[in-house]
């Protein structure tokens, strides 16, 4: 993916979605997950996310696990799991507005320990 051919489509506190004009792929970075998808793959992924019954998964596995919402992958032994807040944020990221305006994160938007020197 070439740096000069990338367009930022949307950004949330924990994720970013970009499009590369050179390879015609979307890349999604969300927490420690990175996906590189074609337009068709992105649409299928969005459709799956938008139709996932979060309430069902929370009632089924929410008492046993903090992250109770599973997203299966093509690899049989790999499943992505989210809590409701993470899942909602991923859903917002994927369903971004086409008129997205880049807005820098504020100091308060950044999680983690930041120490001034």
Protein backbone atom coordinates (compact mmCIF):
# COMPACT_ATOMS: atom_id res chain seq x y z
CA UNK A 1 0.00 0.00 0.00
CA UNK A 2 1.50 3.31 -1.09
CA UNK A 3 1.35 6.22 1.31
CA UNK A 4 0.49 8.82 -1.34
CA UNK A 5 -2.38 6.72 -2.74
CA UNK A 6 -4.25 6.36 0.55
CA UNK A 7 -7.41 8.21 1.49
CA UNK A 8 -8.60 8.34 5.09
CA UNK A 9 -12.29 7.46 5.14
CA UNK A 10 -13.09 7.41 8.84
CA UNK A 11 -11.47 7.39 12.24
CA UNK A 12 -12.76 6.50 15.68
CA UNK A 13 -11.00 6.40 19.02
CA UNK A 14 -9.77 2.84 18.43
CA UNK A 15 -9.97 2.39 14.69
CA UNK A 16 -9.34 3.75 11.24
CA UNK A 17 -10.53 2.84 7.77
CA UNK A 18 -8.58 3.87 4.67
CA UNK A 19 -8.72 3.20 0.95
CA UNK A 20 -5.71 2.63 -1.31
CA UNK A 21 -6.27 3.76 -4.89
CA UNK A 22 -3.23 1.80 -6.07
CA UNK A 23 -4.24 -1.68 -4.88
CA UNK A 24 -7.98 -0.90 -4.67
CA UNK A 25 -8.22 -2.29 -1.13
CA UNK A 26 -9.70 -1.00 2.08
CA UNK A 27 -7.68 -1.41 5.21
CA UNK A 28 -9.25 -1.40 8.62
CA UNK A 29 -7.17 -1.14 11.75
CA UNK A 30 -9.19 -1.61 14.93
CA UNK A 31 -7.42 -2.11 18.26
CA UNK A 32 -5.00 -4.98 17.50
CA UNK A 33 -6.86 -6.19 14.38
CA UNK A 34 -5.84 -5.31 10.83
CA UNK A 35 -7.98 -6.26 7.83
CA UNK A 36 -7.29 -5.64 4.16
CA UNK A 37 -10.47 -6.09 2.12
CA UNK A 38 -11.73 -5.66 -1.42
CA UNK A 39 -14.94 -3.68 -1.97
CA UNK A 40 -16.98 -6.91 -2.08
CA UNK A 41 -15.31 -8.29 1.06
CA UNK A 42 -15.90 -5.00 2.87
CA UNK A 43 -19.59 -5.01 1.91
CA UNK A 44 -19.96 -8.63 3.08
CA UNK A 45 -18.20 -7.84 6.35
CA UNK A 46 -20.38 -4.76 6.92
CA UNK A 47 -23.50 -6.80 6.19
CA UNK A 48 -22.46 -9.45 8.70
CA UNK A 49 -21.68 -6.84 11.37
CA UNK A 50 -24.95 -4.97 10.76
CA UNK A 51 -27.04 -8.14 11.11
CA UNK A 52 -25.29 -9.58 14.18
CA UNK A 53 -27.69 -9.93 17.11
CA UNK A 54 -25.65 -8.41 19.93
CA UNK A 55 -28.36 -9.00 22.54
CA UNK A 56 -28.40 -12.71 21.77
CA UNK A 57 -24.63 -13.09 22.17
CA UNK A 58 -24.58 -11.04 25.37
CA UNK A 59 -27.36 -13.13 26.91
CA UNK A 60 -25.76 -16.39 25.68
CA UNK A 61 -22.14 -15.76 26.75
CA UNK A 62 -22.08 -12.41 28.55
CA UNK A 63 -21.98 -13.84 32.06
CA UNK A 64 -18.97 -16.04 31.29
CA UNK A 65 -16.91 -13.67 29.16
CA UNK A 66 -16.20 -9.96 29.06
CA UNK A 67 -16.00 -10.20 25.26
CA UNK A 68 -19.08 -12.15 24.30
CA UNK A 69 -19.75 -11.09 20.69
CA UNK A 70 -17.94 -13.43 18.26
CA UNK A 71 -17.07 -12.77 14.63
CA UNK A 72 -15.95 -15.95 12.88
CA UNK A 73 -13.12 -15.94 10.35
CA UNK A 74 -12.22 -18.22 7.46
CA UNK A 75 -9.54 -19.77 9.65
CA UNK A 76 -11.27 -22.45 11.77
CA UNK A 77 -9.23 -21.85 14.89
CA UNK A 78 -9.48 -18.04 14.87
CA UNK A 79 -12.44 -15.98 16.04
CA UNK A 80 -12.58 -12.24 16.73
CA UNK A 81 -14.39 -11.34 19.94
CA UNK A 82 -15.72 -7.99 21.12
CA UNK A 83 -17.60 -6.45 24.00
CA UNK A 84 -20.63 -4.28 23.21
CA UNK A 85 -18.71 -0.98 23.22
CA UNK A 86 -16.03 -2.31 20.88
CA UNK A 87 -18.63 -3.87 18.60
CA UNK A 88 -20.67 -0.65 18.41
CA UNK A 89 -17.53 1.35 17.62
CA UNK A 90 -16.52 -1.10 14.88
CA UNK A 91 -20.03 -0.85 13.44
CA UNK A 92 -19.82 2.97 13.42
CA UNK A 93 -16.42 2.78 11.74
CA UNK A 94 -17.69 0.47 8.99
CA UNK A 95 -20.84 2.52 8.43
CA UNK A 96 -18.99 5.81 8.16
CA UNK A 97 -20.50 8.82 6.48
CA UNK A 98 -19.12 9.45 2.98
CA UNK A 99 -18.70 13.12 3.86
CA UNK A 100 -16.25 12.32 6.64
CA UNK A 101 -14.05 15.22 7.67
CA UNK A 102 -10.78 14.39 9.37
CA UNK A 103 -10.73 15.62 12.92
CA UNK A 104 -7.66 15.30 15.11
CA UNK A 105 -8.04 13.42 18.38
CA UNK A 106 -7.88 15.49 21.52
CA UNK A 107 -5.75 14.65 24.53
CA UNK A 108 -8.84 13.31 26.32
CA UNK A 109 -9.67 10.96 23.40
CA UNK A 110 -6.42 9.02 23.81
CA UNK A 111 -6.50 6.07 26.20
CA UNK A 112 -3.39 5.01 28.01
CA UNK A 113 -0.69 6.55 30.07
CA UNK A 114 0.91 9.62 28.60
CA UNK A 115 3.75 11.11 30.50
CA UNK A 116 5.17 14.50 29.80
CA UNK A 117 8.97 14.74 29.77
